[in-house]
Amino acid sequence: QVQLVESGGGLVQAGGSLRLSCAASVSMSSINAMGWYRQAPGKQRELVAALTSGGSRNYADSVKLRFTISGDIGKNTVYLQMNSLKPEDTGVYFCNADRRLMGVRRDYWGQGTQVTVSS
Protein backbone atom coordinates (compact mmCIF):
# COMPACT_ATOMS: atom_id res chain seq x y z
CA GLN A 1 0.00 0.00 0.00
CA VAL A 2 1.50 3.28 -1.11
CA GLN A 3 1.42 6.10 1.41
CA LEU A 4 2.38 9.72 1.04
CA VAL A 5 4.08 10.89 4.21
CA GLU A 6 4.00 14.60 4.97
CA SER A 7 5.84 16.71 7.49
CA GLY A 8 6.55 20.34 8.26
CA GLY A 9 3.27 21.89 9.31
CA GLY A 10 2.85 23.96 12.44
CA LEU A 11 1.94 27.27 13.97
CA VAL A 12 3.55 30.44 12.69
CA GLN A 13 2.91 34.16 12.93
CA ALA A 14 1.81 36.15 9.91
CA GLY A 15 4.79 36.99 7.74
CA GLY A 16 6.63 33.85 8.77
CA SER A 17 7.70 30.82 6.77
CA LEU A 18 7.18 27.06 6.78
CA ARG A 19 8.43 24.25 4.58
CA LEU A 20 6.32 21.18 3.89
CA SER A 21 7.80 17.89 2.75
CA CYS A 22 6.19 14.84 1.20
CA ALA A 23 7.60 11.48 0.16
CA ALA A 24 6.06 8.24 -1.02
CA SER A 25 6.56 5.21 1.22
CA VAL A 26 7.01 2.98 -1.83
CA SER A 27 8.44 4.02 -5.17
CA MET A 28 5.76 4.69 -7.79
CA SER A 29 6.17 4.94 -11.53
CA SER A 30 3.96 6.76 -14.03
CA ILE A 31 3.52 9.85 -11.88
CA ASN A 32 2.12 12.71 -13.95
CA ALA A 33 2.36 15.30 -11.21
CA MET A 34 2.72 15.84 -7.49
CA GLY A 35 1.33 18.74 -5.59
CA TRP A 36 -0.21 20.30 -2.54
CA TYR A 37 -3.84 20.98 -1.78
CA ARG A 38 -5.29 22.68 1.26
CA GLN A 39 -8.61 22.70 2.99
CA ALA A 40 -9.71 25.46 5.32
CA PRO A 41 -12.55 24.92 7.81
CA GLY A 42 -15.88 24.96 6.03
CA LYS A 43 -14.30 25.21 2.60
CA GLN A 44 -13.57 22.83 -0.24
CA ARG A 45 -10.15 21.39 -0.83
CA GLU A 46 -8.24 23.54 -3.31
CA LEU A 47 -5.07 23.18 -5.32
CA VAL A 48 -2.20 25.25 -3.94
CA ALA A 49 0.69 24.21 -6.18
CA ALA A 50 1.66 21.39 -8.51
CA LEU A 51 4.83 20.12 -10.10
CA THR A 52 4.52 18.07 -13.27
CA SER A 53 6.80 15.33 -14.54
CA GLY A 54 7.79 17.73 -17.31
CA GLY A 55 9.00 20.27 -14.78
CA SER A 56 6.12 22.76 -15.02
CA ARG A 57 4.96 24.49 -11.88
CA ASN A 58 1.43 25.72 -11.32
CA TYR A 59 0.23 27.90 -8.46
CA ALA A 60 -3.04 29.17 -7.14
CA ASP A 61 -3.26 32.92 -7.70
CA SER A 62 -3.44 33.52 -3.95
CA VAL A 63 0.01 32.03 -3.32
CA LYS A 64 1.97 33.16 -6.37
CA LEU A 65 5.26 34.88 -5.51
CA ARG A 66 4.99 33.63 -1.90
CA PHE A 67 5.06 29.85 -2.24
CA THR A 68 7.53 27.71 -4.18
CA ILE A 69 7.05 24.06 -5.08
CA SER A 70 10.03 21.83 -5.76
CA GLY A 71 10.87 18.15 -5.76
CA ASP A 72 11.83 15.12 -7.77
CA ILE A 73 8.93 13.34 -9.45
CA GLY A 74 11.11 10.34 -10.24
CA LYS A 75 11.90 9.96 -6.55
CA ASN A 76 8.30 10.72 -5.55
CA THR A 77 9.24 13.68 -3.37
CA VAL A 78 7.74 17.16 -3.31
CA TYR A 79 8.27 20.20 -1.12
CA LEU A 80 6.43 23.44 -0.56
CA GLN A 81 8.30 26.49 0.70
CA MET A 82 5.79 28.96 2.10
CA ASN A 83 6.93 32.52 2.75
CA SER A 84 5.10 35.66 3.83
CA LEU A 85 2.35 33.53 5.32
CA LYS A 86 -1.05 35.06 5.91
CA PRO A 87 -3.87 34.02 8.26
CA GLU A 88 -5.91 32.99 5.20
CA ASP A 89 -3.26 30.35 4.44
CA THR A 90 -4.45 28.46 7.49
CA GLY A 91 -5.74 24.98 6.78
CA VAL A 92 -4.86 21.33 6.43
CA TYR A 93 -2.37 20.77 3.64
CA PHE A 94 -2.50 17.52 1.73
CA CYS A 95 0.17 16.06 -0.51
CA ASN A 96 -1.13 14.56 -3.75
CA ALA A 97 0.30 12.26 -6.41
CA ASP A 98 -1.45 12.09 -9.78
CA ARG A 99 -0.62 8.72 -11.28
CA ARG A 100 -1.61 7.64 -14.79
CA LEU A 101 -1.88 3.93 -15.53
CA MET A 102 -3.06 3.04 -19.05
CA GLY A 103 -4.46 6.54 -19.33
CA VAL A 104 -6.53 6.30 -16.18
CA ARG A 105 -5.84 8.76 -13.39
CA ARG A 106 -5.48 7.55 -9.86
CA ASP A 107 -4.89 9.98 -7.00
CA TYR A 108 -2.90 9.25 -3.88
CA TRP A 109 -3.21 11.46 -0.79
CA GLY A 110 -1.24 12.11 2.33
CA GLN A 111 -2.88 12.23 5.73
CA GLY A 112 -2.66 16.01 5.86
CA THR A 113 -0.60 18.39 7.95
CA GLN A 114 -2.04 21.38 9.81
CA VAL A 115 -0.76 24.87 9.03
CA THR A 116 -1.97 27.64 11.30
CA VAL A 117 -1.02 31.27 10.71
CA SER A 118 -1.81 33.67 13.53
CA SER A 119 -2.38 37.37 12.98
C-alpha atoms as a PDB file:
ATOM      1  CA  GLN A   1       0.000   0.000   0.000  1.00  0.00           C
ATOM      2  CA  VAL A   2       1.503   3.284  -1.111  1.00  0.00           C
ATOM      3  CA  GLN A   3       1.420   6.099   1.406  1.00  0.00           C
ATOM      4  CA  LEU A   4       2.383   9.723   1.039  1.00  0.00           C
ATOM      5  CA  VAL A   5       4.080  10.891   4.209  1.00  0.00           C
ATOM      6  CA  GLU A   6       3.998  14.598   4.973  1.00  0.00           C
ATOM      7  CA  SER A   7       5.839  16.713   7.495  1.00  0.00           C
ATOM      8  CA  GLY A   8       6.550  20.344   8.264  1.00  0.00           C
ATOM      9  CA  GLY A   9       3.268  21.893   9.310  1.00  0.00           C
ATOM     10  CA  GLY A  10       2.848  23.957  12.441  1.00  0.00           C
ATOM     11  CA  LEU A  11       1.936  27.268  13.972  1.00  0.00           C
ATOM     12  CA  VAL A  12       3.548  30.437  12.686  1.00  0.00           C
ATOM     13  CA  GLN A  13       2.909  34.164  12.927  1.00  0.00           C
ATOM     14  CA  ALA A  14       1.815  36.150   9.911  1.00  0.00           C
ATOM     15  CA  GLY A  15       4.790  36.992   7.745  1.00  0.00           C
ATOM     16  CA  GLY A  16       6.634  33.850   8.774  1.00  0.00           C
ATOM     17  CA  SER A  17       7.704  30.819   6.773  1.00  0.00           C
ATOM     18  CA  LEU A  18       7.180  27.064   6.783  1.00  0.00           C
ATOM     19  CA  ARG A  19       8.428  24.254   4.584  1.00  0.00           C
ATOM     20  CA  LEU A  20       6.323  21.183   3.891  1.00  0.00           C
ATOM     21  CA  SER A  21       7.800  17.886   2.754  1.00  0.00           C
ATOM     22  CA  CYS A  22       6.193  14.836   1.195  1.00  0.00           C
ATOM     23  CA  ALA A  23       7.598  11.477   0.158  1.00  0.00           C
ATOM     24  CA  ALA A  24       6.061   8.238  -1.022  1.00  0.00           C
ATOM     25  CA  SER A  25       6.564   5.207   1.223  1.00  0.00           C
ATOM     26  CA  VAL A  26       7.010   2.984  -1.827  1.00  0.00           C
ATOM     27  CA  SER A  27       8.440   4.016  -5.173  1.00  0.00           C
ATOM     28  CA  MET A  28       5.765   4.688  -7.787  1.00  0.00           C
ATOM     29  CA  SER A  29       6.174   4.935 -11.533  1.00  0.00           C
ATOM     30  CA  SER A  30       3.961   6.757 -14.030  1.00  0.00           C
ATOM     31  CA  ILE A  31       3.522   9.846 -11.875  1.00  0.00           C
ATOM     32  CA  ASN A  32       2.119  12.706 -13.953  1.00  0.00           C
ATOM     33  CA  ALA A  33       2.364  15.305 -11.209  1.00  0.00           C
ATOM     34  CA  MET A  34       2.719  15.839  -7.490  1.00  0.00           C
ATOM     35  CA  GLY A  35       1.326  18.739  -5.594  1.00  0.00           C
ATOM     36  CA  TRP A  36      -0.207  20.296  -2.540  1.00  0.00           C
ATOM     37  CA  TYR A  37      -3.837  20.975  -1.775  1.00  0.00           C
ATOM     38  CA  ARG A  38      -5.293  22.683   1.256  1.00  0.00           C
ATOM     39  CA  GLN A  39      -8.607  22.699   2.990  1.00  0.00           C
ATOM     40  CA  ALA A  40      -9.713  25.465   5.318  1.00  0.00           C
ATOM     41  CA  PRO A  41     -12.550  24.917   7.809  1.00  0.00           C
ATOM     42  CA  GLY A  42     -15.883  24.961   6.028  1.00  0.00           C
ATOM     43  CA  LYS A  43     -14.298  25.209   2.596  1.00  0.00           C
ATOM     44  CA  GLN A  44     -13.566  22.834  -0.236  1.00  0.00           C
ATOM     45  CA  ARG A  45     -10.148  21.392  -0.828  1.00  0.00           C
ATOM     46  CA  GLU A  46      -8.239  23.539  -3.307  1.00  0.00           C
ATOM     47  CA  LEU A  47      -5.066  23.177  -5.318  1.00  0.00           C
ATOM     48  CA  VAL A  48      -2.200  25.250  -3.942  1.00  0.00           C
ATOM     49  CA  ALA A  49       0.690  24.207  -6.182  1.00  0.00           C
ATOM     50  CA  ALA A  50       1.655  21.390  -8.509  1.00  0.00           C
ATOM     51  CA  LEU A  51       4.833  20.116 -10.099  1.00  0.00           C
ATOM     52  CA  THR A  52       4.522  18.067 -13.274  1.00  0.00           C
ATOM     53  CA  SER A  53       6.796  15.333 -14.538  1.00  0.00           C
ATOM     54  CA  GLY A  54       7.787  17.726 -17.309  1.00  0.00           C
ATOM     55  CA  GLY A  55       8.995  20.272 -14.784  1.00  0.00           C
ATOM     56  CA  SER A  56       6.121  22.756 -15.018  1.00  0.00           C
ATOM     57  CA  ARG A  57       4.962  24.486 -11.880  1.00  0.00           C
ATOM     58  CA  ASN A  58       1.430  25.723 -11.323  1.00  0.00           C
ATOM     59  CA  TYR A  59       0.232  27.895  -8.457  1.00  0.00           C
ATOM     60  CA  ALA A  60      -3.044  29.174  -7.138  1.00  0.00           C
ATOM     61  CA  ASP A  61      -3.260  32.920  -7.695  1.00  0.00           C
ATOM     62  CA  SER A  62      -3.443  33.519  -3.947  1.00  0.00           C
ATOM     63  CA  VAL A  63       0.015  32.025  -3.323  1.00  0.00           C
ATOM     64  CA  LYS A  64       1.967  33.164  -6.365  1.00  0.00           C
ATOM     65  CA  LEU A  65       5.259  34.882  -5.505  1.00  0.00           C
ATOM     66  CA  ARG A  66       4.989  33.633  -1.903  1.00  0.00           C
ATOM     67  CA  PHE A  67       5.063  29.850  -2.236  1.00  0.00           C
ATOM     68  CA  THR A  68       7.527  27.713  -4.176  1.00  0.00           C
ATOM     69  CA  ILE A  69       7.052  24.063  -5.079  1.00  0.00           C
ATOM     70  CA  SER A  70      10.025  21.828  -5.756  1.00  0.00           C
ATOM     71  CA  GLY A  71      10.868  18.155  -5.761  1.00  0.00           C
ATOM     72  CA  ASP A  72      11.827  15.120  -7.771  1.00  0.00           C
ATOM     73  CA  ILE A  73       8.926  13.343  -9.446  1.00  0.00           C
ATOM     74  CA  GLY A  74      11.111  10.343 -10.237  1.00  0.00           C
ATOM     75  CA  LYS A  75      11.902   9.964  -6.552  1.00  0.00           C
ATOM     76  CA  ASN A  76       8.301  10.715  -5.547  1.00  0.00           C
ATOM     77  CA  THR A  77       9.237  13.680  -3.369  1.00  0.00           C
ATOM     78  CA  VAL A  78       7.742  17.157  -3.310  1.00  0.00           C
ATOM     79  CA  TYR A  79       8.270  20.201  -1.124  1.00  0.00           C
ATOM     80  CA  LEU A  80       6.430  23.439  -0.559  1.00  0.00           C
ATOM     81  CA  GLN A  81       8.298  26.486   0.698  1.00  0.00           C
ATOM     82  CA  MET A  82       5.788  28.956   2.099  1.00  0.00           C
ATOM     83  CA  ASN A  83       6.935  32.518   2.753  1.00  0.00           C
ATOM     84  CA  SER A  84       5.095  35.656   3.830  1.00  0.00           C
ATOM     85  CA  LEU A  85       2.351  33.529   5.316  1.00  0.00           C
ATOM     86  CA  LYS A  86      -1.053  35.064   5.910  1.00  0.00           C
ATOM     87  CA  PRO A  87      -3.873  34.024   8.256  1.00  0.00           C
ATOM     88  CA  GLU A  88      -5.906  32.993   5.196  1.00  0.00           C
ATOM     89  CA  ASP A  89      -3.257  30.353   4.436  1.00  0.00           C
ATOM     90  CA  THR A  90      -4.451  28.458   7.494  1.00  0.00           C
ATOM     91  CA  GLY A  91      -5.739  24.976   6.776  1.00  0.00           C
ATOM     92  CA  VAL A  92      -4.861  21.327   6.431  1.00  0.00           C
ATOM     93  CA  TYR A  93      -2.367  20.774   3.645  1.00  0.00           C
ATOM     94  CA  PHE A  94      -2.504  17.516   1.731  1.00  0.00           C
ATOM     95  CA  CYS A  95       0.168  16.057  -0.514  1.00  0.00           C
ATOM     96  CA  ASN A  96      -1.125  14.560  -3.747  1.00  0.00           C
ATOM     97  CA  ALA A  97       0.300  12.264  -6.413  1.00  0.00           C
ATOM     98  CA  ASP A  98      -1.451  12.087  -9.785  1.00  0.00           C
ATOM     99  CA  ARG A  99      -0.616   8.716 -11.278  1.00  0.00           C
ATOM    100  CA  ARG A 100      -1.614   7.636 -14.788  1.00  0.00           C
ATOM    101  CA  LEU A 101      -1.879   3.928 -15.532  1.00  0.00           C
ATOM    102  CA  MET A 102      -3.056   3.037 -19.052  1.00  0.00           C
ATOM    103  CA  GLY A 103      -4.463   6.544 -19.331  1.00  0.00           C
ATOM    104  CA  VAL A 104      -6.532   6.297 -16.177  1.00  0.00           C
ATOM    105  CA  ARG A 105      -5.843   8.765 -13.394  1.00  0.00           C
ATOM    106  CA  ARG A 106      -5.477   7.546  -9.861  1.00  0.00           C
ATOM    107  CA  ASP A 107      -4.888   9.978  -6.999  1.00  0.00           C
ATOM    108  CA  TYR A 108      -2.897   9.254  -3.878  1.00  0.00           C
ATOM    109  CA  TRP A 109      -3.212  11.461  -0.791  1.00  0.00           C
ATOM    110  CA  GLY A 110      -1.245  12.105   2.330  1.00  0.00           C
ATOM    111  CA  GLN A 111      -2.885  12.228   5.730  1.00  0.00           C
ATOM    112  CA  GLY A 112      -2.665  16.014   5.862  1.00  0.00           C
ATOM    113  CA  THR A 113      -0.601  18.395   7.950  1.00  0.00           C
ATOM    114  CA  GLN A 114      -2.035  21.381   9.808  1.00  0.00           C
ATOM    115  CA  VAL A 115      -0.761  24.866   9.030  1.00  0.00           C
ATOM    116  CA  THR A 116      -1.967  27.639  11.303  1.00  0.00           C
ATOM    117  CA  VAL A 117      -1.020  31.265  10.708  1.00  0.00           C
ATOM    118  CA  SER A 118      -1.806  33.669  13.532  1.00  0.00           C
ATOM    119  CA  SER A 119      -2.383  37.369  12.981  1.00  0.00           C
END
